[in-house]
C-alpha atoms as a PDB file:
ATOM      1  CA  ALA A   1     -20.547 -12.555 -20.739  1.00  0.00           C
ATOM      2  CA  LEU A   2     -17.621 -11.427 -22.899  1.00  0.00           C
ATOM      3  CA  ASP A   3     -19.522  -8.752 -24.168  1.00  0.00           C
ATOM      4  CA  LYS A   4     -20.528  -7.691 -20.669  1.00  0.00           C
ATOM      5  CA  LEU A   5     -16.864  -7.840 -19.536  1.00  0.00           C
ATOM      6  CA  GLU A   6     -15.902  -5.480 -22.447  1.00  0.00           C
ATOM      7  CA  GLU A   7     -18.490  -3.174 -21.160  1.00  0.00           C
ATOM      8  CA  GLU A   8     -17.435  -3.208 -17.463  1.00  0.00           C
ATOM      9  CA  ILE A   9     -13.758  -2.715 -18.592  1.00  0.00           C
ATOM     10  CA  LYS A  10     -14.759   0.367 -20.806  1.00  0.00           C
ATOM     11  CA  GLU A  11     -16.574   1.770 -17.727  1.00  0.00           C
ATOM     12  CA  MET A  12     -13.391   1.059 -15.488  1.00  0.00           C
ATOM     13  CA  ARG A  13     -11.166   2.976 -18.122  1.00  0.00           C
ATOM     14  CA  GLU A  14     -13.442   5.764 -17.863  1.00  0.00           C
ATOM     15  CA  ALA A  15     -13.425   5.776 -13.991  1.00  0.00           C
ATOM     16  CA  ILE A  16      -9.725   5.768 -14.181  1.00  0.00           C
ATOM     17  CA  ASP A  17      -9.632   8.607 -16.468  1.00  0.00           C
ATOM     18  CA  LYS A  18     -11.768  10.653 -14.256  1.00  0.00           C
ATOM     19  CA  LYS A  19      -9.545   9.744 -11.318  1.00  0.00           C
ATOM     20  CA  HIS A  20     -12.660   8.915  -9.066  1.00  0.00           C
ATOM     21  CA  GLN A  21     -11.378   6.299  -6.551  1.00  0.00           C
ATOM     22  CA  ASN A  22     -15.104   5.228  -5.376  1.00  0.00           C
ATOM     23  CA  GLU A  23     -15.981   4.701  -8.933  1.00  0.00           C
ATOM     24  CA  GLN A  24     -12.987   2.989  -9.724  1.00  0.00           C
ATOM     25  CA  GLU A  25     -13.604   0.514  -6.822  1.00  0.00           C
ATOM     26  CA  GLU A  26     -17.259  -0.119  -7.905  1.00  0.00           C
ATOM     27  CA  GLU A  27     -16.299  -0.652 -11.478  1.00  0.00           C
ATOM     28  CA  LEU A  28     -13.543  -3.045 -10.437  1.00  0.00           C
ATOM     29  CA  GLY A  29     -16.103  -4.928  -8.286  1.00  0.00           C
ATOM     30  CA  ASP A  30     -18.326  -5.133 -11.413  1.00  0.00           C
ATOM     31  CA  VAL A  31     -15.419  -6.660 -13.386  1.00  0.00           C
ATOM     32  CA  LEU A  32     -14.565  -9.305 -10.847  1.00  0.00           C
ATOM     33  CA  PHE A  33     -18.279 -10.105 -10.716  1.00  0.00           C
ATOM     34  CA  VAL A  34     -18.432 -10.618 -14.509  1.00  0.00           C
ATOM     35  CA  LEU A  35     -15.297 -12.638 -14.518  1.00  0.00           C
ATOM     36  CA  ALA A  36     -16.509 -14.760 -11.787  1.00  0.00           C
ATOM     37  CA  ASN A  37     -19.834 -15.290 -13.619  1.00  0.00           C
ATOM     38  CA  LEU A  38     -17.921 -16.094 -16.781  1.00  0.00           C
ATOM     39  CA  GLY A  39     -15.970 -18.712 -14.920  1.00  0.00           C
ATOM     40  CA  ARG A  40     -19.405 -20.312 -13.544  1.00  0.00           C
ATOM     41  CA  MET A  41     -20.634 -20.287 -17.130  1.00  0.00           C
ATOM     42  CA  LEU A  42     -17.522 -22.217 -18.332  1.00  0.00           C
ATOM     43  CA  GLY A  43     -17.717 -24.717 -15.316  1.00  0.00           C
ATOM     44  CA  ILE A  44     -14.558 -23.195 -13.786  1.00  0.00           C
ATOM     45  CA  ASN A  45     -14.336 -22.354 -10.003  1.00  0.00           C
ATOM     46  CA  PRO A  46     -12.991 -18.776 -10.097  1.00  0.00           C
ATOM     47  CA  GLU A  47     -11.530 -19.036  -6.593  1.00  0.00           C
ATOM     48  CA  GLU A  48      -9.579 -22.001  -7.711  1.00  0.00           C
ATOM     49  CA  ALA A  49      -8.482 -20.395 -11.002  1.00  0.00           C
ATOM     50  CA  LEU A  50      -7.188 -17.536  -8.888  1.00  0.00           C
ATOM     51  CA  ARG A  51      -5.567 -19.630  -6.530  1.00  0.00           C
ATOM     52  CA  LYS A  52      -3.719 -21.379  -9.299  1.00  0.00           C
ATOM     53  CA  THR A  53      -2.735 -17.926 -10.871  1.00  0.00           C
ATOM     54  CA  ASN A  54      -1.339 -16.826  -7.451  1.00  0.00           C
ATOM     55  CA  LYS A  55       0.647 -19.974  -7.081  1.00  0.00           C
ATOM     56  CA  LYS A  56       2.196 -19.625 -10.636  1.00  0.00           C
ATOM     57  CA  PHE A  57       3.025 -15.975  -9.967  1.00  0.00           C
ATOM     58  CA  GLU A  58       4.531 -17.064  -6.635  1.00  0.00           C
ATOM     59  CA  ASN A  59       6.880 -19.671  -8.239  1.00  0.00           C
ATOM     60  CA  ARG A  60       7.930 -17.159 -10.983  1.00  0.00           C
ATOM     61  CA  PHE A  61       8.661 -14.600  -8.503  1.00  0.00           C
ATOM     62  CA  ASN A  62      10.678 -16.876  -6.407  1.00  0.00           C
ATOM     63  CA  GLY A  63      12.730 -18.008  -9.646  1.00  0.00           C
ATOM     64  CA  MET A  64      13.431 -14.296 -10.281  1.00  0.00           C
ATOM     65  CA  GLU A  65      14.819 -13.812  -6.671  1.00  0.00           C
ATOM     66  CA  GLU A  66      16.864 -16.816  -6.907  1.00  0.00           C
ATOM     67  CA  GLU A  67      18.348 -15.528 -10.248  1.00  0.00           C
ATOM     68  CA  PHE A  68      19.210 -12.133  -8.604  1.00  0.00           C
ATOM     69  CA  LYS A  69      20.737 -13.919  -5.613  1.00  0.00           C
ATOM     70  CA  LEU A  70      22.887 -16.058  -7.749  1.00  0.00           C
ATOM     71  CA  LYS A  71      24.042 -12.901  -9.683  1.00  0.00           C
ATOM     72  CA  ASN A  72      24.614 -11.047  -6.304  1.00  0.00           C
ATOM     73  CA  GLN A  73      22.216  -8.590  -7.278  1.00  0.00           C
ATOM     74  CA  ARG A  74      19.302  -6.815  -5.580  1.00  0.00           C
ATOM     75  CA  MET A  75      15.936  -6.857  -7.215  1.00  0.00           C
END
């Protein structure tokens, strides 16, 4: 699955270089599909993993907002 992921990332890079939006969308879908399949192979629920990552990002972002607020600065 990791070899397939590397292959799909290479194809994504090529689509980005060509600036083809439709191709980029297709390749992004392929990357996401491979990642979900990798999670399945590892016994990890990809939706739950993404939820946890979103929560982690939200907590970090909120912390940054608080730091800026304490310094009377805007982000």
